[in-house]
Full PDB file with SEQRES, HELIX, SHEET, SSBOND, CRYST1, ORIGX, SCALE, CONECT and MASTER records, all heavy atoms in Angstrom:
SEQRES   1 A   39  ARG GLY ARG LEU TRP ASN GLY THR PHE LEU GLU GLU TYR          
SEQRES   2 A   39  LEU ALA VAL THR SER VAL GLU LEU ILE VAL ARG ALA SER          
SEQRES   3 A   39  VAL SER VAL THR SER SER ILE LYS ASN LEU VAL LEU LYS          
HELIX    1 AA1 ASN A    6  GLU A   12  1                                   7    
CRYST1    1.000    1.000    1.000  90.00  90.00  90.00 P 1           1          
ORIGX1      1.000000  0.000000  0.000000        0.00000                         
ORIGX2      0.000000  1.000000  0.000000        0.00000                         
ORIGX3      0.000000  0.000000  1.000000        0.00000                         
SCALE1      1.000000  0.000000  0.000000        0.00000                         
SCALE2      0.000000  1.000000  0.000000        0.00000                         
SCALE3      0.000000  0.000000  1.000000        0.00000                         
ATOM      1  N   ARG A   1       0.853  -1.188   0.000  1.00  0.00           N  
ATOM      2  CA  ARG A   1       0.000   0.000   0.000  1.00  0.00           C  
ATOM      3  C   ARG A   1       0.884   1.232   0.000  1.00  0.00           C  
ATOM      4  O   ARG A   1       1.967   1.232   0.562  1.00  0.00           O  
ATOM      5  CB  ARG A   1      -0.891   0.024   1.238  1.00  0.00           C  
ATOM      6  CG  ARG A   1      -1.864  -1.108   1.268  1.00  0.00           C  
ATOM      7  CD  ARG A   1      -2.744  -0.997   2.466  1.00  0.00           C  
ATOM      8  NE  ARG A   1      -3.583  -2.189   2.530  1.00  0.00           N  
ATOM      9  CZ  ARG A   1      -4.647  -2.294   3.267  1.00  0.00           C  
ATOM     10  NH1 ARG A   1      -5.016  -1.304   4.028  1.00  0.00           N  
ATOM     11  NH2 ARG A   1      -5.354  -3.397   3.270  1.00  0.00           N  
ATOM     12  N   GLY A   2       0.392   2.281  -0.607  1.00  0.00           N  
ATOM     13  CA  GLY A   2       1.138   3.535  -0.644  1.00  0.00           C  
ATOM     14  C   GLY A   2       0.190   4.716  -0.594  1.00  0.00           C  
ATOM     15  O   GLY A   2      -1.002   4.598  -0.883  1.00  0.00           O  
ATOM     16  N   ARG A   3       0.731   5.845  -0.195  1.00  0.00           N  
ATOM     17  CA  ARG A   3      -0.066   7.072  -0.119  1.00  0.00           C  
ATOM     18  C   ARG A   3       0.682   8.200  -0.799  1.00  0.00           C  
ATOM     19  O   ARG A   3       1.893   8.310  -0.685  1.00  0.00           O  
ATOM     20  CB  ARG A   3      -0.321   7.463   1.333  1.00  0.00           C  
ATOM     21  CG  ARG A   3      -1.226   6.530   2.045  1.00  0.00           C  
ATOM     22  CD  ARG A   3      -1.535   7.070   3.406  1.00  0.00           C  
ATOM     23  NE  ARG A   3      -2.413   6.133   4.096  1.00  0.00           N  
ATOM     24  CZ  ARG A   3      -3.127   6.418   5.138  1.00  0.00           C  
ATOM     25  NH1 ARG A   3      -3.073   7.620   5.640  1.00  0.00           N  
ATOM     26  NH2 ARG A   3      -3.892   5.530   5.697  1.00  0.00           N  
ATOM     27  N   LEU A   4      -0.068   9.033  -1.470  1.00  0.00           N  
ATOM     28  CA  LEU A   4       0.472  10.259  -2.035  1.00  0.00           C  
ATOM     29  C   LEU A   4      -0.219  11.393  -1.305  1.00  0.00           C  
ATOM     30  O   LEU A   4      -1.425  11.592  -1.442  1.00  0.00           O  
ATOM     31  CB  LEU A   4       0.217  10.352  -3.542  1.00  0.00           C  
ATOM     32  CG  LEU A   4       0.677  11.634  -4.212  1.00  0.00           C  
ATOM     33  CD1 LEU A   4       2.190  11.754  -4.137  1.00  0.00           C  
ATOM     34  CD2 LEU A   4       0.229  11.682  -5.649  1.00  0.00           C  
ATOM     35  N   TRP A   5       0.529  12.107  -0.483  1.00  0.00           N  
ATOM     36  CA  TRP A   5      -0.055  13.184   0.310  1.00  0.00           C  
ATOM     37  C   TRP A   5      -0.419  14.354  -0.593  1.00  0.00           C  
ATOM     38  O   TRP A   5       0.201  14.592  -1.622  1.00  0.00           O  
ATOM     39  CB  TRP A   5       0.919  13.636   1.386  1.00  0.00           C  
ATOM     40  CG  TRP A   5       1.190  12.581   2.391  1.00  0.00           C  
ATOM     41  CD1 TRP A   5       2.275  11.771   2.444  1.00  0.00           C  
ATOM     42  CD2 TRP A   5       0.337  12.176   3.463  1.00  0.00           C  
ATOM     43  NE1 TRP A   5       2.171  10.896   3.490  1.00  0.00           N  
ATOM     44  CE2 TRP A   5       0.994  11.123   4.130  1.00  0.00           C  
ATOM     45  CE3 TRP A   5      -0.900  12.601   3.931  1.00  0.00           C  
ATOM     46  CZ2 TRP A   5       0.450  10.502   5.239  1.00  0.00           C  
ATOM     47  CZ3 TRP A   5      -1.440  11.974   5.036  1.00  0.00           C  
ATOM     48  CH2 TRP A   5      -0.775  10.951   5.679  1.00  0.00           C  
ATOM     49  N   ASN A   6      -1.443  15.085  -0.197  1.00  0.00           N  
ATOM     50  CA  ASN A   6      -1.916  16.215  -0.986  1.00  0.00           C  
ATOM     51  C   ASN A   6      -0.819  17.270  -1.120  1.00  0.00           C  
ATOM     52  O   ASN A   6      -0.653  17.875  -2.177  1.00  0.00           O  
ATOM     53  CB  ASN A   6      -3.173  16.812  -0.333  1.00  0.00           C  
ATOM     54  CG  ASN A   6      -4.007  17.571  -1.325  1.00  0.00           C  
ATOM     55  OD1 ASN A   6      -3.851  17.397  -2.520  1.00  0.00           O  
ATOM     56  ND2 ASN A   6      -4.883  18.404  -0.832  1.00  0.00           N  
ATOM     57  N   GLY A   7      -0.044  17.482  -0.052  1.00  0.00           N  
ATOM     58  CA  GLY A   7       1.045  18.449  -0.113  1.00  0.00           C  
ATOM     59  C   GLY A   7       2.108  18.036  -1.117  1.00  0.00           C  
ATOM     60  O   GLY A   7       2.633  18.856  -1.866  1.00  0.00           O  
ATOM     61  N   THR A   8       2.433  16.755  -1.158  1.00  0.00           N  
ATOM     62  CA  THR A   8       3.413  16.251  -2.129  1.00  0.00           C  
ATOM     63  C   THR A   8       2.887  16.423  -3.543  1.00  0.00           C  
ATOM     64  O   THR A   8       3.620  16.802  -4.452  1.00  0.00           O  
ATOM     65  CB  THR A   8       3.711  14.768  -1.849  1.00  0.00           C  
ATOM     66  OG1 THR A   8       4.116  14.635  -0.505  1.00  0.00           O  
ATOM     67  CG2 THR A   8       4.793  14.255  -2.765  1.00  0.00           C  
ATOM     68  N   PHE A   9       1.596  16.139  -3.729  1.00  0.00           N  
ATOM     69  CA  PHE A   9       0.996  16.292  -5.053  1.00  0.00           C  
ATOM     70  C   PHE A   9       1.078  17.751  -5.506  1.00  0.00           C  
ATOM     71  O   PHE A   9       1.401  18.037  -6.654  1.00  0.00           O  
ATOM     72  CB  PHE A   9      -0.463  15.830  -5.009  1.00  0.00           C  
ATOM     73  CG  PHE A   9      -1.133  15.806  -6.346  1.00  0.00           C  
ATOM     74  CD1 PHE A   9      -0.964  14.730  -7.179  1.00  0.00           C  
ATOM     75  CD2 PHE A   9      -1.922  16.854  -6.772  1.00  0.00           C  
ATOM     76  CE1 PHE A   9      -1.577  14.694  -8.422  1.00  0.00           C  
ATOM     77  CE2 PHE A   9      -2.531  16.833  -7.991  1.00  0.00           C  
ATOM     78  CZ  PHE A   9      -2.359  15.744  -8.826  1.00  0.00           C  
ATOM     79  N   LEU A  10       0.801  18.683  -4.586  1.00  0.00           N  
ATOM     80  CA  LEU A  10       0.827  20.099  -4.946  1.00  0.00           C  
ATOM     81  C   LEU A  10       2.252  20.584  -5.195  1.00  0.00           C  
ATOM     82  O   LEU A  10       2.473  21.456  -6.028  1.00  0.00           O  
ATOM     83  CB  LEU A  10       0.180  20.933  -3.841  1.00  0.00           C  
ATOM     84  CG  LEU A  10      -1.332  20.761  -3.703  1.00  0.00           C  
ATOM     85  CD1 LEU A  10      -1.834  21.512  -2.486  1.00  0.00           C  
ATOM     86  CD2 LEU A  10      -2.046  21.250  -4.938  1.00  0.00           C  
ATOM     87  N   GLU A  11       3.237  20.037  -4.472  1.00  0.00           N  
ATOM     88  CA  GLU A  11       4.622  20.472  -4.673  1.00  0.00           C  
ATOM     89  C   GLU A  11       5.231  19.882  -5.938  1.00  0.00           C  
ATOM     90  O   GLU A  11       5.899  20.572  -6.696  1.00  0.00           O  
ATOM     91  CB  GLU A  11       5.471  20.070  -3.466  1.00  0.00           C  
ATOM     92  CG  GLU A  11       5.151  20.843  -2.215  1.00  0.00           C  
ATOM     93  CD  GLU A  11       5.862  20.282  -1.003  1.00  0.00           C  
ATOM     94  OE1 GLU A  11       6.719  19.397  -1.175  1.00  0.00           O  
ATOM     95  OE2 GLU A  11       5.549  20.734   0.113  1.00  0.00           O  
ATOM     96  N   GLU A  12       5.021  18.596  -6.170  1.00  0.00           N  
ATOM     97  CA  GLU A  12       5.673  17.920  -7.282  1.00  0.00           C  
ATOM     98  C   GLU A  12       4.973  18.172  -8.619  1.00  0.00           C  
ATOM     99  O   GLU A  12       5.619  18.288  -9.648  1.00  0.00           O  
ATOM    100  CB  GLU A  12       5.732  16.415  -7.016  1.00  0.00           C  
ATOM    101  CG  GLU A  12       6.514  16.032  -5.780  1.00  0.00           C  
ATOM    102  CD  GLU A  12       8.007  16.090  -6.009  1.00  0.00           C  
ATOM    103  OE1 GLU A  12       8.447  15.885  -7.153  1.00  0.00           O  
ATOM    104  OE2 GLU A  12       8.724  16.329  -5.028  1.00  0.00           O  
ATOM    105  N   TYR A  13       3.645  18.211  -8.601  1.00  0.00           N  
ATOM    106  CA  TYR A  13       2.878  18.289  -9.847  1.00  0.00           C  
ATOM    107  C   TYR A  13       1.937  19.482  -9.793  1.00  0.00           C  
ATOM    108  O   TYR A  13       0.718  19.350  -9.835  1.00  0.00           O  
ATOM    109  CB  TYR A  13       2.079  16.996 -10.053  1.00  0.00           C  
ATOM    110  CG  TYR A  13       2.910  15.750  -9.911  1.00  0.00           C  
ATOM    111  CD1 TYR A  13       2.856  14.976  -8.763  1.00  0.00           C  
ATOM    112  CD2 TYR A  13       3.776  15.366 -10.924  1.00  0.00           C  
ATOM    113  CE1 TYR A  13       3.625  13.840  -8.626  1.00  0.00           C  
ATOM    114  CE2 TYR A  13       4.561  14.233 -10.791  1.00  0.00           C  
ATOM    115  CZ  TYR A  13       4.472  13.479  -9.643  1.00  0.00           C  
ATOM    116  OH  TYR A  13       5.239  12.362  -9.501  1.00  0.00           O  
ATOM    117  N   LEU A  14       2.486  20.682  -9.700  1.00  0.00           N  
ATOM    118  CA  LEU A  14       1.678  21.884  -9.519  1.00  0.00           C  
ATOM    119  C   LEU A  14       0.925  22.276 -10.783  1.00  0.00           C  
ATOM    120  O   LEU A  14      -0.192  22.794 -10.710  1.00  0.00           O  
ATOM    121  CB  LEU A  14       2.592  23.036  -9.073  1.00  0.00           C  
ATOM    122  CG  LEU A  14       1.917  24.347  -8.711  1.00  0.00           C  
ATOM    123  CD1 LEU A  14       0.924  24.126  -7.579  1.00  0.00           C  
ATOM    124  CD2 LEU A  14       2.935  25.379  -8.314  1.00  0.00           C  
ATOM    125  N   ALA A  15       1.474  22.017 -11.947  1.00  0.00           N  
ATOM    126  CA  ALA A  15       0.882  22.504 -13.185  1.00  0.00           C  
ATOM    127  C   ALA A  15      -0.165  21.557 -13.774  1.00  0.00           C  
ATOM    128  O   ALA A  15      -0.777  21.876 -14.782  1.00  0.00           O  
ATOM    129  CB  ALA A  15       1.983  22.748 -14.222  1.00  0.00           C  
ATOM    130  N   VAL A  16      -0.403  20.410 -13.176  1.00  0.00           N  
ATOM    131  CA  VAL A  16      -1.336  19.445 -13.750  1.00  0.00           C  
ATOM    132  C   VAL A  16      -2.509  19.227 -12.794  1.00  0.00           C  
ATOM    133  O   VAL A  16      -2.432  19.521 -11.603  1.00  0.00           O  
ATOM    134  CB  VAL A  16      -0.639  18.091 -14.027  1.00  0.00           C  
ATOM    135  CG1 VAL A  16       0.435  18.239 -15.080  1.00  0.00           C  
ATOM    136  CG2 VAL A  16      -0.044  17.513 -12.770  1.00  0.00           C  
ATOM    137  N   THR A  17      -3.608  18.703 -13.352  1.00  0.00           N  
ATOM    138  CA  THR A  17      -4.785  18.442 -12.523  1.00  0.00           C  
ATOM    139  C   THR A  17      -4.945  16.956 -12.217  1.00  0.00           C  
ATOM    140  O   THR A  17      -5.691  16.597 -11.318  1.00  0.00           O  
ATOM    141  CB  THR A  17      -6.060  18.945 -13.221  1.00  0.00           C  
ATOM    142  OG1 THR A  17      -6.167  18.325 -14.499  1.00  0.00           O  
ATOM    143  CG2 THR A  17      -6.012  20.456 -13.379  1.00  0.00           C  
ATOM    144  N   SER A  18      -4.256  16.104 -12.974  1.00  0.00           N  
ATOM    145  CA  SER A  18      -4.324  14.676 -12.688  1.00  0.00           C  
ATOM    146  C   SER A  18      -3.010  14.017 -13.087  1.00  0.00           C  
ATOM    147  O   SER A  18      -2.310  14.484 -13.980  1.00  0.00           O  
ATOM    148  CB  SER A  18      -5.484  14.014 -13.437  1.00  0.00           C  
ATOM    149  OG  SER A  18      -5.239  14.043 -14.828  1.00  0.00           O  
ATOM    150  N   VAL A  19      -2.715  12.920 -12.400  1.00  0.00           N  
ATOM    151  CA  VAL A  19      -1.490  12.162 -12.662  1.00  0.00           C  
ATOM    152  C   VAL A  19      -1.871  10.691 -12.723  1.00  0.00           C  
ATOM    153  O   VAL A  19      -2.676  10.215 -11.930  1.00  0.00           O  
ATOM    154  CB  VAL A  19      -0.452  12.387 -11.535  1.00  0.00           C  
ATOM    155  CG1 VAL A  19       0.744  11.476 -11.699  1.00  0.00           C  
ATOM    156  CG2 VAL A  19      -0.010  13.829 -11.503  1.00  0.00           C  
ATOM    157  N   GLU A  20      -1.314   9.988 -13.705  1.00  0.00           N  
ATOM    158  CA  GLU A  20      -1.534   8.544 -13.774  1.00  0.00           C  
ATOM    159  C   GLU A  20      -0.226   7.851 -13.446  1.00  0.00           C  
ATOM    160  O   GLU A  20       0.777   8.015 -14.137  1.00  0.00           O  
ATOM    161  CB  GLU A  20      -2.014   8.121 -15.156  1.00  0.00           C  
ATOM    162  CG  GLU A  20      -2.332   6.651 -15.208  1.00  0.00           C  
ATOM    163  CD  GLU A  20      -3.031   6.251 -16.499  1.00  0.00           C  
ATOM    164  OE1 GLU A  20      -3.583   7.107 -17.178  1.00  0.00           O  
ATOM    165  OE2 GLU A  20      -2.997   5.058 -16.806  1.00  0.00           O  
ATOM    166  N   LEU A  21      -0.250   7.099 -12.366  1.00  0.00           N  
ATOM    167  CA  LEU A  21       0.914   6.337 -11.938  1.00  0.00           C  
ATOM    168  C   LEU A  21       0.768   4.899 -12.398  1.00  0.00           C  
ATOM    169  O   LEU A  21      -0.318   4.335 -12.335  1.00  0.00           O  
ATOM    170  CB  LEU A  21       1.049   6.353 -10.414  1.00  0.00           C  
ATOM    171  CG  LEU A  21       1.300   7.691  -9.740  1.00  0.00           C  
ATOM    172  CD1 LEU A  21       1.309   7.512  -8.239  1.00  0.00           C  
ATOM    173  CD2 LEU A  21       2.602   8.290 -10.208  1.00  0.00           C  
ATOM    174  N   ILE A  22       1.854   4.331 -12.846  1.00  0.00           N  
ATOM    175  CA  ILE A  22       1.854   2.922 -13.200  1.00  0.00           C  
ATOM    176  C   ILE A  22       2.713   2.211 -12.159  1.00  0.00           C  
ATOM    177  O   ILE A  22       3.910   2.445 -12.055  1.00  0.00           O  
ATOM    178  CB  ILE A  22       2.399   2.694 -14.618  1.00  0.00           C  
ATOM    179  CG1 ILE A  22       1.497   3.409 -15.624  1.00  0.00           C  
ATOM    180  CG2 ILE A  22       2.506   1.218 -14.922  1.00  0.00           C  
ATOM    181  CD1 ILE A  22       1.990   3.386 -17.032  1.00  0.00           C  
ATOM    182  N   VAL A  23       2.075   1.383 -11.384  1.00  0.00           N  
ATOM    183  CA  VAL A  23       2.748   0.664 -10.308  1.00  0.00           C  
ATOM    184  C   VAL A  23       3.137  -0.707 -10.840  1.00  0.00           C  
ATOM    185  O   VAL A  23       2.277  -1.480 -11.278  1.00  0.00           O  
ATOM    186  CB  VAL A  23       1.824   0.528  -9.083  1.00  0.00           C  
ATOM    187  CG1 VAL A  23       2.525  -0.238  -7.984  1.00  0.00           C  
ATOM    188  CG2 VAL A  23       1.379   1.894  -8.607  1.00  0.00           C  
ATOM    189  N   ARG A  24       4.435  -0.966 -10.821  1.00  0.00           N  
ATOM    190  CA  ARG A  24       4.939  -2.262 -11.260  1.00  0.00           C  
ATOM    191  C   ARG A  24       5.532  -2.967 -10.051  1.00  0.00           C  
ATOM    192  O   ARG A  24       6.294  -2.383  -9.296  1.00  0.00           O  
ATOM    193  CB  ARG A  24       6.015  -2.093 -12.325  1.00  0.00           C  
ATOM    194  CG  ARG A  24       5.504  -1.546 -13.611  1.00  0.00           C  
ATOM    195  CD  ARG A  24       6.596  -1.541 -14.672  1.00  0.00           C  
ATOM    196  NE  ARG A  24       6.085  -0.919 -15.857  1.00  0.00           N  
ATOM    197  CZ  ARG A  24       6.467   0.263 -16.310  1.00  0.00           C  
ATOM    198  NH1 ARG A  24       7.385   0.938 -15.672  1.00  0.00           N  
ATOM    199  NH2 ARG A  24       5.941   0.763 -17.407  1.00  0.00           N  
ATOM    200  N   ALA A  25       5.188  -4.234  -9.906  1.00  0.00           N  
ATOM    201  CA  ALA A  25       5.709  -5.015  -8.790  1.00  0.00           C  
ATOM    202  C   ALA A  25       6.115  -6.388  -9.291  1.00  0.00           C  
ATOM    203  O   ALA A  25       5.445  -6.976 -10.144  1.00  0.00           O  
ATOM    204  CB  ALA A  25       4.650  -5.142  -7.697  1.00  0.00           C  
ATOM    205  N   SER A  26       7.222  -6.855  -8.776  1.00  0.00           N  
ATOM    206  CA  SER A  26       7.658  -8.215  -9.101  1.00  0.00           C  
ATOM    207  C   SER A  26       8.185  -8.860  -7.826  1.00  0.00           C  
ATOM    208  O   SER A  26       8.725  -8.190  -6.954  1.00  0.00           O  
ATOM    209  CB  SER A  26       8.732  -8.203 -10.187  1.00  0.00           C  
ATOM    210  OG  SER A  26       9.876  -7.522  -9.730  1.00  0.00           O  
ATOM    211  N   VAL A  27       7.999 -10.159  -7.750  1.00  0.00           N  
ATOM    212  CA  VAL A  27       8.383 -10.914  -6.573  1.00  0.00           C  
ATOM    213  C   VAL A  27       9.406 -11.963  -6.986  1.00  0.00           C  
ATOM    214  O   VAL A  27       9.224 -12.659  -7.992  1.00  0.00           O  
ATOM    215  CB  VAL A  27       7.150 -11.591  -5.929  1.00  0.00           C  
ATOM    216  CG1 VAL A  27       7.568 -12.435  -4.740  1.00  0.00           C  
ATOM    217  CG2 VAL A  27       6.134 -10.558  -5.518  1.00  0.00           C  
ATOM    218  N   SER A  28      10.454 -12.052  -6.230  1.00  0.00           N  
ATOM    219  CA  SER A  28      11.433 -13.121  -6.450  1.00  0.00           C  
ATOM    220  C   SER A  28      11.716 -13.767  -5.091  1.00  0.00           C  
ATOM    221  O   SER A  28      11.748 -13.096  -4.066  1.00  0.00           O  
ATOM    222  CB  SER A  28      12.721 -12.575  -7.063  1.00  0.00           C  
ATOM    223  OG  SER A  28      13.329 -11.674  -6.170  1.00  0.00           O  
ATOM    224  N   VAL A  29      11.899 -15.057  -5.129  1.00  0.00           N  
ATOM    225  CA  VAL A  29      12.102 -15.817  -3.904  1.00  0.00           C  
ATOM    226  C   VAL A  29      13.442 -16.522  -3.983  1.00  0.00           C  
ATOM    227  O   VAL A  29      13.742 -17.195  -4.966  1.00  0.00           O  
ATOM    228  CB  VAL A  29      10.963 -16.842  -3.697  1.00  0.00           C  
ATOM    229  CG1 VAL A  29      11.236 -17.687  -2.470  1.00  0.00           C  
ATOM    230  CG2 VAL A  29       9.635 -16.133  -3.584  1.00  0.00           C  
ATOM    231  N   THR A  30      14.227 -16.337  -2.948  1.00  0.00           N  
ATOM    232  CA  THR A  30      15.485 -17.053  -2.822  1.00  0.00           C  
ATOM    233  C   THR A  30      15.281 -18.102  -1.737  1.00  0.00           C  
ATOM    234  O   THR A  30      15.087 -17.763  -0.574  1.00  0.00           O  
ATOM    235  CB  THR A  30      16.613 -16.086  -2.416  1.00  0.00           C  
ATOM    236  OG1 THR A  30      16.648 -15.018  -3.344  1.00  0.00           O  
ATOM    237  CG2 THR A  30      17.940 -16.795  -2.382  1.00  0.00           C  
ATOM    238  N   SER A  31      15.274 -19.360  -2.157  1.00  0.00           N  
ATOM    239  CA  SER A  31      14.972 -20.413  -1.199  1.00  0.00           C  
ATOM    240  C   SER A  31      15.678 -21.697  -1.617  1.00  0.00           C  
ATOM    241  O   SER A  31      16.075 -21.877  -2.769  1.00  0.00           O  
ATOM    242  CB  SER A  31      13.462 -20.646  -1.134  1.00  0.00           C  
ATOM    243  OG  SER A  31      13.153 -21.730  -0.305  1.00  0.00           O  
ATOM    244  N   SER A  32      15.794 -22.595  -0.656  1.00  0.00           N  
ATOM    245  CA  SER A  32      16.391 -23.895  -0.942  1.00  0.00           C  
ATOM    246  C   SER A  32      15.331 -24.907  -1.379  1.00  0.00           C  
ATOM    247  O   SER A  32      15.666 -26.047  -1.710  1.00  0.00           O  
ATOM    248  CB  SER A  32      17.131 -24.403   0.299  1.00  0.00           C  
ATOM    249  OG  SER A  32      16.205 -24.551   1.361  1.00  0.00           O  
ATOM    250  N   ILE A  33      14.065 -24.500  -1.403  1.00  0.00           N  
ATOM    251  CA  ILE A  33      12.977 -25.391  -1.813  1.00  0.00           C  
ATOM    252  C   ILE A  33      13.021 -25.539  -3.327  1.00  0.00           C  
ATOM    253  O   ILE A  33      13.034 -24.554  -4.068  1.00  0.00           O  
ATOM    254  CB  ILE A  33      11.613 -24.833  -1.358  1.00  0.00           C  
ATOM    255  CG1 ILE A  33      11.589 -24.684   0.160  1.00  0.00           C  
ATOM    256  CG2 ILE A  33      10.485 -25.725  -1.828  1.00  0.00           C  
ATOM    257  CD1 ILE A  33      10.363 -23.984   0.686  1.00  0.00           C  
ATOM    258  N   LYS A  34      13.020 -26.789  -3.827  1.00  0.00           N  
ATOM    259  CA  LYS A  34      13.167 -27.056  -5.261  1.00  0.00           C  
ATOM    260  C   LYS A  34      11.858 -26.901  -6.032  1.00  0.00           C  
ATOM    261  O   LYS A  34      11.856 -26.453  -7.161  1.00  0.00           O  
ATOM    262  CB  LYS A  34      13.727 -28.476  -5.489  1.00  0.00           C  
ATOM    263  CG  LYS A  34      15.052 -28.708  -4.837  1.00  0.00           C  
ATOM    264  CD  LYS A  34      16.113 -27.922  -5.534  1.00  0.00           C  
ATOM    265  CE  LYS A  34      17.472 -28.242  -4.900  1.00  0.00           C  
ATOM    266  NZ  LYS A  34      18.490 -27.318  -5.246  1.00  0.00           N  
ATOM    267  N   ASN A  35      10.734 -27.258  -5.432  1.00  0.00           N  
ATOM    268  CA  ASN A  35       9.479 -27.251  -6.184  1.00  0.00           C  
ATOM    269  C   ASN A  35       8.631 -26.012  -5.871  1.00  0.00           C  
ATOM    270  O   ASN A  35       7.412 -26.071  -5.856  1.00  0.00           O  
ATOM    271  CB  ASN A  35       8.689 -28.532  -5.890  1.00  0.00           C  
ATOM    272  CG  ASN A  35       8.383 -28.668  -4.405  1.00  0.00           C  
ATOM    273  OD1 ASN A  35       8.819 -27.871  -3.612  1.00  0.00           O  
ATOM    274  ND2 ASN A  35       7.638 -29.707  -4.067  1.00  0.00           N  
ATOM    275  N   LEU A  36       9.242 -24.862  -5.676  1.00  0.00           N  
ATOM    276  CA  LEU A  36       8.540 -23.616  -5.382  1.00  0.00           C  
ATOM    277  C   LEU A  36       8.079 -22.983  -6.687  1.00  0.00           C  
ATOM    278  O   LEU A  36       8.883 -22.758  -7.597  1.00  0.00           O  
ATOM    279  CB  LEU A  36       9.471 -22.662  -4.624  1.00  0.00           C  
ATOM    280  CG  LEU A  36       8.864 -21.361  -4.150  1.00  0.00           C  
ATOM    281  CD1 LEU A  36       7.776 -21.635  -3.118  1.00  0.00           C  
ATOM    282  CD2 LEU A  36       9.926 -20.487  -3.551  1.00  0.00           C  
ATOM    283  N   VAL A  37       6.777 -22.717  -6.805  1.00  0.00           N  
ATOM    284  CA  VAL A  37       6.202 -22.138  -8.018  1.00  0.00           C  
ATOM    285  C   VAL A  37       5.593 -20.791  -7.673  1.00  0.00           C  
ATOM    286  O   VAL A  37       4.816 -20.665  -6.727  1.00  0.00           O  
ATOM    287  CB  VAL A  37       5.118 -23.071  -8.608  1.00  0.00           C  
ATOM    288  CG1 VAL A  37       4.493 -22.439  -9.831  1.00  0.00           C  
ATOM    289  CG2 VAL A  37       5.721 -24.422  -8.952  1.00  0.00           C  
ATOM    290  N   LEU A  38       5.937 -19.769  -8.445  1.00  0.00           N  
ATOM    291  CA  LEU A  38       5.365 -18.439  -8.248  1.00  0.00           C  
ATOM    292  C   LEU A  38       4.351 -18.176  -9.358  1.00  0.00           C  
ATOM    293  O   LEU A  38       4.678 -18.231 -10.544  1.00  0.00           O  
ATOM    294  CB  LEU A  38       6.450 -17.371  -8.297  1.00  0.00           C  
ATOM    295  CG  LEU A  38       7.414 -17.314  -7.135  1.00  0.00           C  
ATOM    296  CD1 LEU A  38       8.463 -16.244  -7.384  1.00  0.00           C  
ATOM    297  CD2 LEU A  38       6.678 -17.017  -5.850  1.00  0.00           C  
ATOM    298  N   LYS A  39       3.107 -17.879  -8.965  1.00  0.00           N  
ATOM    299  CA  LYS A  39       2.094 -17.479  -9.936  1.00  0.00           C  
ATOM    300  C   LYS A  39       1.992 -15.963  -9.898  1.00  0.00           C  
ATOM    301  O   LYS A  39       1.956 -15.365  -8.824  1.00  0.00           O  
ATOM    302  CB  LYS A  39       0.738 -18.083  -9.585  1.00  0.00           C  
ATOM    303  CG  LYS A  39       0.694 -19.587  -9.736  1.00  0.00           C  
ATOM    304  CD  LYS A  39      -0.696 -20.079  -9.419  1.00  0.00           C  
ATOM    305  CE  LYS A  39      -0.750 -21.585  -9.541  1.00  0.00           C  
ATOM    306  NZ  LYS A  39      -2.059 -22.111  -9.184  1.00  0.00           N  
TER     307      LYS A  39                                                      
MASTER        0    0    0    1    0    0    0    6  306    1    0    3          
END                                                                             
């Protein structure tokens, strides 16, 4: 979860009325288990 504070929005993006963020996330597992499957 994340938050974008109104003050940060006004400071960083003062000239625009809307912003579209693309959130990308990836998971990697380092383990000794051989049959670990990530969906």
